Each structure stands twice: as C-alpha cells, then as structure tokens.
Amino acid sequence: MRTELDELVEFLHHGNTQIRQIACENLVGYSSSKPEIFKRHQLLPIQDLKLLVRDYTPIATNALTILVNLSGDQEVLDKLAGDDAFLETLLLKVTGNKERNADGISMLLANFGKSEKLKKLLTLKRRSAEPVSNSLYAIDQLMDCFVKGADGTLNRYSNYDYLSYLFADLSKLEEGRAYFTTRQDYDGVVPVTKLTVFTEHTSTIRRRGVASTLKNVAFDIPFHSTLFSEDEANILPYILLPIMGPEEYSEEDTADMLPDLQLLPPDKQRESDASIIVTHLETLLLLTTTREGRDKLRAVSVYPVIREVHIHVNDDDVREACDRLVQVIMRDEEDEAKTLAPQGLDEEQKVVELF
C-alpha cells in the first residue's frame, strides 16, 4: 500500500523544480531515520538523487546530504562509487573553485573511500581542472583542492577538509601508499609532504585525516628514510609538535631535541583530540620498525616528549600508546633476540590502520 512517504520519494524526479526542492527538503531527515525508503525499485531513488546533484544549488545541497547519509549502506555505496559517470560529475564540481557544494561533495567522496571500487581514483585521468590544478589525474586534482583550499582560500564556500578522510582510506591500500610516497611529475613534489603542515591546523577533521594518512604511509618501511630526511618529508617535527604542550624541559632533555621543538612558547597547546594523539604515537611506533628508526628517535630525545604526554594527558589509550613506544625506544638493542617484525610490531603491539 502506497503511503505519503512513498509519493514524496517519487517526487524526486518530478518535472517541476519547486516540487523537487520540497521533496528533497522533506526527505533529508528520513535518510537517517528510514533509509530503506530510498532502496525501493532497485534503488531508483538513488538514481534520482544522483541526477539532483547536478540540479540548482538548494536541491543539490539536500541531495548530497541524503546521499552522504545513505552511503553508509554497502549496497548504496557500491551503486554510487561504481558509477563512473557520477564520479566524473562529482569531480567536475568539486574541482570548480566556485562550487557552493564542494564540502558536501568532499564528504561524499570521503565515504566513497570505504568502497574497493574507488581504487580507480588513483589512476583516473580526466579533463584539466585549471586553475585549481594543472595535473590531468583526479587524485592530484583532489590533493591540490585540499592543499590550496584550506581556510577557504581556493573556494570561499568550501574548505575541503573531508578530503583528508578520503586520503586516509586510500593510504590503507598498497597502491595508495605508492602514490603518497612517489614524487609526482606535474609538480615535482612527494604528495605526503603536502599534508604534514596540517597536523596543527584548526580543523579537527583535517588534523584527524592527515594524521591517519601519515600513519598509514609509515607502514611503507622503505620510505622511512625519506620520512626522516630533513631535506624531504622531515616528518618528525610535524608528528611531535602537536603532542607537545607548555611543559618546560631541562637542558639535558632539550640538548638533542629537534630545533623546532626547542624554546616553545609558554602558551603552546597540545592536540586536544586524544584519538589524534594516539595516531601520532602509533606513527612513531611504526617508525621504530627498523634499527635506523629506533636510533633516530633516541638521537633526537623523543623520550622526554612521550614522558610528558603520559603525565599530562588523562586518557587510557594515550597512556597505553606511550607505554608501548617507550618500551621500544628505551630497550637495550644488545639484549634483543630479534628485530621487530616487518609489520612493525609483535602480536600484542600491532596497530591497525585508521578509517
């Protein structure tokens, strides 16, 4: 038996713009409370919503919100992420520096990262996106949107923060890590080095996504030397600074610290999100996989920083992560029976990729 709600869903493809707008506005709430109404008739409402993303701004905004809410369903997600034409629609709009819904599209693309079908994004070649990017590859264009768009400097309607979640998911893939660790021809830059500057950004979303991406990249052990290199990624200051607070250190503690970590202002604020602190600590732990990495962390006096985090952050997960890291960097190498496993950790110490 048809209900008024069924009729409202059918209005998504009504020929009258005003009726489509009213239908979208009223269906936003139901995308969370009754998502099943959008899965009827072989997901026909999803097809309608994909078309409405190209409608004028008020309709497109609500259509995107509905799709973001519904994309938590695997069947819907696969339907969306597997549609190459729809993906091109999203890319065309999100790389436009006047697109009002670029943040909504960024959120949807971030959800797409949960689908295996989005691996194609790493090699997808498409039309030029100038002046946003002069690369013809979709992933480069999204990276440029993220970097240039921080704080609304590229598009005054958007900040592209949610793309960091997409990068975090892509960096869980071997192919994704290969992208983030390979110097790109179009600008001569290693992509991961574009992200490090955002570990202390004002946006928690951006900080969290970037921290997770850096952690996942650290699973690539051959890339560790590049991550440590001061002339290349130079990752340590960007991992350690966010977890440092206003504490004062003794001369003995600071003598070997990285220059960026010395003489911090008395109002220095530590990362406020405990989960991000844990992520940074796990990145450091991954960087101890090799003897070179462990020696590097010891040489730059990482221990005092971790000690202060353990003292001042009242969070069990943070303190556990501190304990695991300290056990490794304070271990006597001569007494070790074996080096850490290539995965980075023994069975009890294993960390998992985020997102």
Protein backbone atom coordinates (compact mmCIF):
# COMPACT_ATOMS: atom_id res chain seq x y z
CA MET A 1 0.00 0.00 0.00
CA ARG A 2 1.41 3.33 -1.07
CA THR A 3 1.99 5.92 1.61
CA GLU A 4 2.53 9.66 1.51
CA LEU A 5 6.22 8.97 2.11
CA ASP A 6 6.35 6.77 -0.98
CA GLU A 7 4.83 9.57 -3.02
CA LEU A 8 7.29 12.06 -1.59
CA VAL A 9 10.19 9.86 -2.74
CA GLU A 10 8.69 9.67 -6.22
CA PHE A 11 8.61 13.47 -6.39
CA LEU A 12 12.42 13.41 -6.57
CA HIS A 13 12.10 13.06 -10.33
CA HIS A 14 9.12 15.39 -10.75
CA GLY A 15 9.34 17.80 -13.68
CA ASN A 16 8.53 20.79 -11.52
CA THR A 17 11.62 22.30 -9.87
CA GLN A 18 9.74 23.60 -6.85
CA ILE A 19 8.22 20.18 -6.17
CA ARG A 20 11.65 18.52 -6.43
CA GLN A 21 13.02 21.04 -3.97
CA ILE A 22 10.23 20.48 -1.46
CA ALA A 23 10.64 16.71 -1.78
CA CYS A 24 14.40 16.93 -1.14
CA GLU A 25 13.99 19.23 1.83
CA ASN A 26 11.47 16.93 3.48
CA LEU A 27 13.37 13.73 2.79
CA VAL A 28 16.69 14.76 4.36
CA GLY A 29 15.61 13.61 7.83
CA TYR A 30 14.29 10.30 6.52
CA SER A 31 17.68 9.47 5.00
CA SER A 32 18.82 8.83 8.58
CA SER A 33 15.63 7.55 10.20
CA LYS A 34 14.15 5.48 7.34
CA PRO A 35 16.91 4.84 4.80
CA GLU A 36 15.06 1.82 3.42
CA ILE A 37 12.59 4.04 1.55
CA PHE A 38 15.40 5.04 -0.81
CA LYS A 39 16.25 1.43 -1.70
CA ARG A 40 12.95 0.54 -3.36
CA HIS A 41 12.51 -0.34 -7.01
CA GLN A 42 16.13 -1.45 -7.48
CA LEU A 43 17.48 1.76 -5.90
CA LEU A 44 15.61 4.02 -8.31
CA PRO A 45 15.52 6.87 -5.73
CA ILE A 46 19.33 6.73 -5.61
CA GLN A 47 19.43 7.26 -9.34
CA ASP A 48 17.13 10.27 -8.94
CA LEU A 49 19.37 11.71 -6.23
CA LYS A 50 22.46 11.33 -8.41
CA LEU A 51 20.75 13.42 -11.06
CA LEU A 52 19.68 16.01 -8.49
CA VAL A 53 23.31 16.61 -7.53
CA ARG A 54 23.50 18.45 -10.86
CA ASP A 55 20.35 20.47 -10.11
CA TYR A 56 20.47 24.04 -8.87
CA THR A 57 22.18 24.67 -5.55
CA PRO A 58 19.39 24.31 -2.93
CA ILE A 59 18.26 20.99 -4.43
CA ALA A 60 21.80 19.73 -4.97
CA THR A 61 22.72 20.55 -1.36
CA ASN A 62 19.92 18.43 0.06
CA ALA A 63 20.51 15.65 -2.47
CA LEU A 64 24.16 15.46 -1.39
CA THR A 65 23.21 15.39 2.28
CA ILE A 66 20.85 12.49 1.64
CA LEU A 67 23.48 10.58 -0.34
CA VAL A 68 26.10 11.16 2.37
CA ASN A 69 23.70 9.69 4.94
CA LEU A 70 22.75 6.76 2.73
CA SER A 71 26.28 5.87 1.63
CA GLY A 72 26.88 4.10 4.92
CA ASP A 73 24.85 1.27 3.37
CA GLN A 74 27.18 -1.00 1.39
CA GLU A 75 24.69 -1.65 -1.41
CA VAL A 76 24.09 2.07 -1.89
CA LEU A 77 27.80 2.83 -1.59
CA ASP A 78 28.71 0.33 -4.31
CA LYS A 79 25.98 1.75 -6.53
CA LEU A 80 27.39 5.24 -6.14
CA ALA A 81 31.12 4.52 -6.19
CA GLY A 82 30.77 2.15 -9.14
CA ASP A 83 29.12 4.77 -11.36
CA ASP A 84 31.95 6.31 -13.39
CA ALA A 85 29.71 8.99 -14.87
CA PHE A 86 28.54 10.06 -11.42
CA LEU A 87 32.12 10.11 -10.13
CA GLU A 88 33.04 12.41 -13.02
CA THR A 89 30.11 14.68 -12.09
CA LEU A 90 31.43 14.94 -8.55
CA LEU A 91 35.00 15.56 -9.69
CA LEU A 92 33.91 18.22 -12.16
CA LYS A 93 32.01 20.06 -9.46
CA VAL A 94 34.46 19.67 -6.57
CA THR A 95 37.39 20.96 -8.64
CA GLY A 96 35.45 24.08 -9.57
CA ASN A 97 36.63 26.95 -7.41
CA LYS A 98 33.17 28.50 -7.31
CA GLU A 99 31.21 25.35 -6.45
CA ARG A 100 28.99 26.03 -3.43
CA ASN A 101 28.62 22.36 -2.54
CA ALA A 102 32.29 21.40 -2.68
CA ASP A 103 32.31 20.44 1.01
CA GLY A 104 29.25 18.22 0.62
CA ILE A 105 30.91 16.53 -2.34
CA SER A 106 34.10 16.13 -0.30
CA MET A 107 32.09 14.36 2.40
CA LEU A 108 30.54 12.02 -0.15
CA LEU A 109 33.91 11.26 -1.73
CA ALA A 110 35.28 10.57 1.74
CA ASN A 111 32.56 7.95 2.19
CA PHE A 112 33.41 6.52 -1.22
CA GLY A 113 36.81 5.66 0.23
CA LYS A 114 35.11 2.78 2.05
CA SER A 115 34.43 1.08 -1.29
CA GLU A 116 37.07 -1.03 -3.02
CA LYS A 117 35.78 0.41 -6.29
CA LEU A 118 37.39 3.76 -5.56
CA LYS A 119 40.88 2.36 -6.07
CA LYS A 120 40.42 3.53 -9.66
CA LEU A 121 40.69 7.11 -8.41
CA LEU A 122 44.44 6.62 -8.02
CA THR A 123 44.96 6.16 -11.77
CA LEU A 124 41.96 8.02 -13.20
CA LYS A 125 42.88 10.52 -15.86
CA ARG A 126 40.37 13.24 -16.70
CA ARG A 127 39.99 16.73 -18.08
CA SER A 128 42.07 19.64 -16.91
CA ALA A 129 40.99 21.35 -13.67
CA GLU A 130 42.86 24.62 -14.07
CA PRO A 131 43.26 26.99 -12.31
CA VAL A 132 42.85 24.57 -9.40
CA SER A 133 45.38 22.05 -10.70
CA ASN A 134 47.48 21.56 -13.81
CA SER A 135 47.54 17.77 -13.44
CA LEU A 136 45.29 15.56 -15.54
CA TYR A 137 44.98 12.96 -12.79
CA ALA A 138 41.97 13.05 -10.47
CA ILE A 139 43.91 12.24 -7.31
CA ASP A 140 46.36 15.11 -7.94
CA GLN A 141 43.46 17.48 -8.54
CA LEU A 142 41.83 16.48 -5.26
CA MET A 143 45.14 16.89 -3.44
CA ASP A 144 45.50 20.39 -4.88
CA CYS A 145 41.95 21.23 -3.83
CA PHE A 146 42.75 20.09 -0.30
CA VAL A 147 46.05 21.97 -0.05
CA LYS A 148 45.06 25.18 -1.80
CA GLY A 149 41.54 25.16 -0.36
CA ALA A 150 42.44 25.19 3.33
CA ASP A 151 40.63 28.00 5.13
CA GLY A 152 38.57 28.92 2.07
CA THR A 153 41.48 30.35 0.10
CA LEU A 154 40.60 28.46 -3.10
CA ASN A 155 36.82 28.44 -2.86
CA ARG A 156 35.15 30.88 -0.48
CA TYR A 157 32.29 28.43 0.04
CA SER A 158 34.41 25.42 0.99
CA ASN A 159 37.48 24.19 2.87
CA TYR A 160 37.74 20.61 1.50
CA ASP A 161 38.61 19.25 4.97
CA TYR A 162 36.77 15.96 4.44
CA LEU A 163 39.08 15.01 1.58
CA SER A 164 41.58 14.15 4.31
CA TYR A 165 39.36 11.18 5.23
CA LEU A 166 39.44 10.04 1.61
CA PHE A 167 43.25 10.25 1.61
CA ALA A 168 43.34 8.25 4.85
CA ASP A 169 41.34 5.43 3.28
CA LEU A 170 43.34 5.45 0.06
CA SER A 171 46.60 5.32 2.02
CA LYS A 172 45.49 1.99 3.50
CA LEU A 173 45.93 0.48 0.04
CA GLU A 174 49.36 -0.51 -1.25
CA GLU A 175 48.64 1.49 -4.39
CA GLY A 176 47.60 4.45 -2.29
CA ARG A 177 50.78 4.43 -0.26
CA ALA A 178 52.72 4.23 -3.52
CA TYR A 179 51.01 7.42 -4.67
CA PHE A 180 51.65 9.33 -1.46
CA THR A 181 55.32 8.33 -1.42
CA THR A 182 56.13 8.96 -5.11
CA ARG A 183 57.30 12.30 -6.47
CA GLN A 184 54.71 13.50 -8.99
CA ASP A 185 55.76 14.63 -12.45
CA TYR A 186 53.39 17.57 -12.67
CA ASP A 187 54.79 19.49 -9.71
CA GLY A 188 57.88 17.55 -8.62
CA VAL A 189 56.55 17.06 -5.08
CA VAL A 190 56.02 13.93 -2.98
CA PRO A 191 52.31 14.13 -2.02
CA VAL A 192 52.72 13.19 1.63
CA THR A 193 54.93 16.25 2.14
CA LYS A 194 51.96 18.44 1.24
CA LEU A 195 49.99 17.06 4.17
CA THR A 196 52.44 17.39 7.07
CA VAL A 197 51.87 21.12 7.52
CA PHE A 198 48.25 20.43 8.51
CA THR A 199 48.96 18.41 11.65
CA GLU A 200 48.32 21.55 13.72
CA HIS A 201 45.51 23.01 11.60
CA THR A 202 42.48 24.50 13.34
CA SER A 203 40.13 21.90 11.81
CA THR A 204 39.88 18.68 13.84
CA ILE A 205 38.61 16.89 10.73
CA ARG A 206 41.65 17.92 8.72
CA ARG A 207 44.07 17.07 11.54
CA ARG A 208 42.49 13.67 12.09
CA GLY A 209 42.50 12.70 8.41
CA VAL A 210 46.06 13.90 7.86
CA ALA A 211 47.32 12.12 10.99
CA SER A 212 45.76 8.87 9.80
CA THR A 213 47.23 9.27 6.32
CA LEU A 214 50.71 9.85 7.74
CA LYS A 215 50.35 6.80 9.93
CA ASN A 216 49.28 4.59 7.06
CA VAL A 217 52.16 5.86 4.91
CA ALA A 218 54.51 4.85 7.73
CA PHE A 219 53.60 1.22 7.02
CA ASP A 220 55.83 1.60 3.94
CA ILE A 221 59.14 0.73 5.61
CA PRO A 222 61.42 1.51 2.62
CA PHE A 223 60.01 5.06 2.70
CA HIS A 224 61.11 5.68 6.31
CA SER A 225 64.41 7.22 5.29
CA THR A 226 62.51 9.79 3.22
CA LEU A 227 60.15 10.47 6.12
CA PHE A 228 63.13 11.13 8.40
CA SER A 229 65.12 13.21 5.92
CA GLU A 230 65.20 16.91 6.75
CA ASP A 231 65.52 17.68 3.05
CA GLU A 232 62.46 15.63 2.10
CA ALA A 233 59.41 14.72 4.22
CA ASN A 234 61.00 15.66 7.57
CA ILE A 235 58.01 14.16 9.35
CA LEU A 236 59.22 14.14 12.97
CA PRO A 237 58.59 17.83 13.84
CA TYR A 238 55.07 17.58 12.43
CA ILE A 239 54.33 14.47 14.49
CA LEU A 240 55.95 15.64 17.72
CA LEU A 241 54.86 19.29 17.85
CA PRO A 242 51.12 18.52 18.03
CA ILE A 243 51.57 16.22 21.04
CA MET A 244 53.71 18.72 22.95
CA GLY A 245 52.24 21.11 25.48
CA PRO A 246 53.57 24.08 27.51
CA GLU A 247 55.82 21.94 29.72
CA GLU A 248 59.35 23.10 30.38
CA TYR A 249 62.19 20.67 29.77
CA SER A 250 65.60 20.51 31.37
CA GLU A 251 68.69 21.44 29.41
CA GLU A 252 69.63 17.79 29.37
CA ASP A 253 66.28 16.89 27.79
CA THR A 254 66.38 19.62 25.17
CA ALA A 255 70.05 19.35 24.21
CA ASP A 256 69.41 16.84 21.43
CA MET A 257 65.82 17.70 20.57
CA LEU A 258 64.95 18.81 17.06
CA PRO A 259 65.39 22.60 16.71
CA ASP A 260 61.67 23.08 16.02
CA LEU A 261 60.84 21.51 19.37
CA GLN A 262 63.06 23.76 21.47
CA LEU A 263 62.04 27.06 23.09
CA LEU A 264 58.31 26.57 22.58
CA PRO A 265 56.11 29.44 23.83
CA PRO A 266 54.57 29.12 27.31
CA ASP A 267 51.08 29.11 25.75
CA LYS A 268 51.83 26.13 23.50
CA GLN A 269 48.70 23.97 23.26
CA ARG A 270 48.76 20.20 22.97
CA GLU A 271 46.48 18.46 20.48
CA SER A 272 43.01 18.44 22.09
CA ASP A 273 41.75 15.23 20.48
CA ALA A 274 43.09 12.18 22.30
CA SER A 275 42.46 9.91 19.32
CA ILE A 276 44.74 12.07 17.16
CA ILE A 277 47.46 11.92 19.81
CA VAL A 278 47.17 8.12 19.76
CA THR A 279 47.51 8.14 15.99
CA HIS A 280 50.70 10.21 16.16
CA LEU A 281 52.12 7.91 18.82
CA GLU A 282 51.34 4.89 16.66
CA THR A 283 53.08 6.56 13.72
CA LEU A 284 56.16 7.00 15.87
CA LEU A 285 55.92 3.35 16.87
CA LEU A 286 55.81 2.31 13.23
CA LEU A 287 58.91 4.41 12.62
CA THR A 288 60.75 2.26 15.19
CA THR A 289 60.33 -0.82 12.98
CA THR A 290 63.95 -0.58 11.88
CA ARG A 291 67.11 -0.13 13.91
CA GLU A 292 67.70 3.12 11.99
CA GLY A 293 64.34 4.43 13.11
CA ARG A 294 64.83 3.49 16.74
CA ASP A 295 68.25 5.09 16.78
CA LYS A 296 66.84 8.25 15.19
CA LEU A 297 64.11 8.63 17.82
CA ARG A 298 66.65 8.12 20.56
CA ALA A 299 69.09 10.57 19.00
CA VAL A 300 66.55 13.40 18.93
CA SER A 301 65.35 12.79 22.51
CA VAL A 302 61.81 11.66 21.79
CA TYR A 303 61.52 10.00 25.19
CA PRO A 304 61.08 13.23 27.25
CA VAL A 305 58.25 14.30 24.94
CA ILE A 306 56.46 10.96 25.37
CA ARG A 307 57.05 11.11 29.13
CA GLU A 308 55.24 14.45 29.35
CA VAL A 309 52.37 13.23 27.19
CA HIS A 310 51.95 10.27 29.54
CA ILE A 311 51.92 12.58 32.54
CA HIS A 312 49.60 15.28 31.24
CA VAL A 313 47.04 13.50 29.04
CA ASN A 314 44.43 11.75 31.12
CA ASP A 315 43.40 9.12 28.60
CA ASP A 316 43.94 5.37 28.88
CA ASP A 317 44.53 4.83 25.17
CA VAL A 318 47.11 7.63 25.05
CA ARG A 319 48.96 6.28 28.06
CA GLU A 320 48.93 2.76 26.66
CA ALA A 321 50.34 4.03 23.35
CA CYS A 322 53.02 5.95 25.28
CA ASP A 323 53.96 2.81 27.21
CA ARG A 324 54.31 0.74 24.05
CA LEU A 325 56.51 3.34 22.39
CA VAL A 326 58.72 3.83 25.44
CA GLN A 327 59.25 0.07 25.75
CA VAL A 328 60.71 0.08 22.25
CA ILE A 329 62.88 3.20 22.30
CA MET A 330 64.27 2.50 25.78
CA ARG A 331 65.03 -1.12 25.01
CA ASP A 332 68.64 -2.24 25.06
CA GLU A 333 69.41 -3.23 21.47
CA GLU A 334 72.11 -5.65 22.55
CA ASP A 335 69.58 -7.65 24.55
CA GLU A 336 67.10 -8.01 21.72
CA ALA A 337 66.76 -11.51 20.41
CA LYS A 338 65.35 -10.24 17.15
CA THR A 339 64.29 -7.03 15.46
CA LEU A 340 60.68 -6.02 15.27
CA ALA A 341 58.56 -7.80 12.66
CA PRO A 342 58.22 -6.15 9.21
CA GLN A 343 54.62 -5.30 10.08
CA GLY A 344 56.12 -3.07 12.72
CA LEU A 345 55.10 -4.84 15.91
CA ASP A 346 54.74 -8.15 17.68
CA GLU A 347 51.31 -9.74 18.14
CA GLU A 348 50.36 -7.76 21.22
CA GLN A 349 51.73 -4.48 19.91
CA LYS A 350 50.13 -4.47 16.45
CA VAL A 351 48.35 -1.29 15.45
CA VAL A 352 45.64 -1.05 12.88
CA GLU A 353 45.16 1.42 10.07
CA LEU A 354 42.54 4.05 10.72
CA PHE A 355 39.37 4.83 8.82
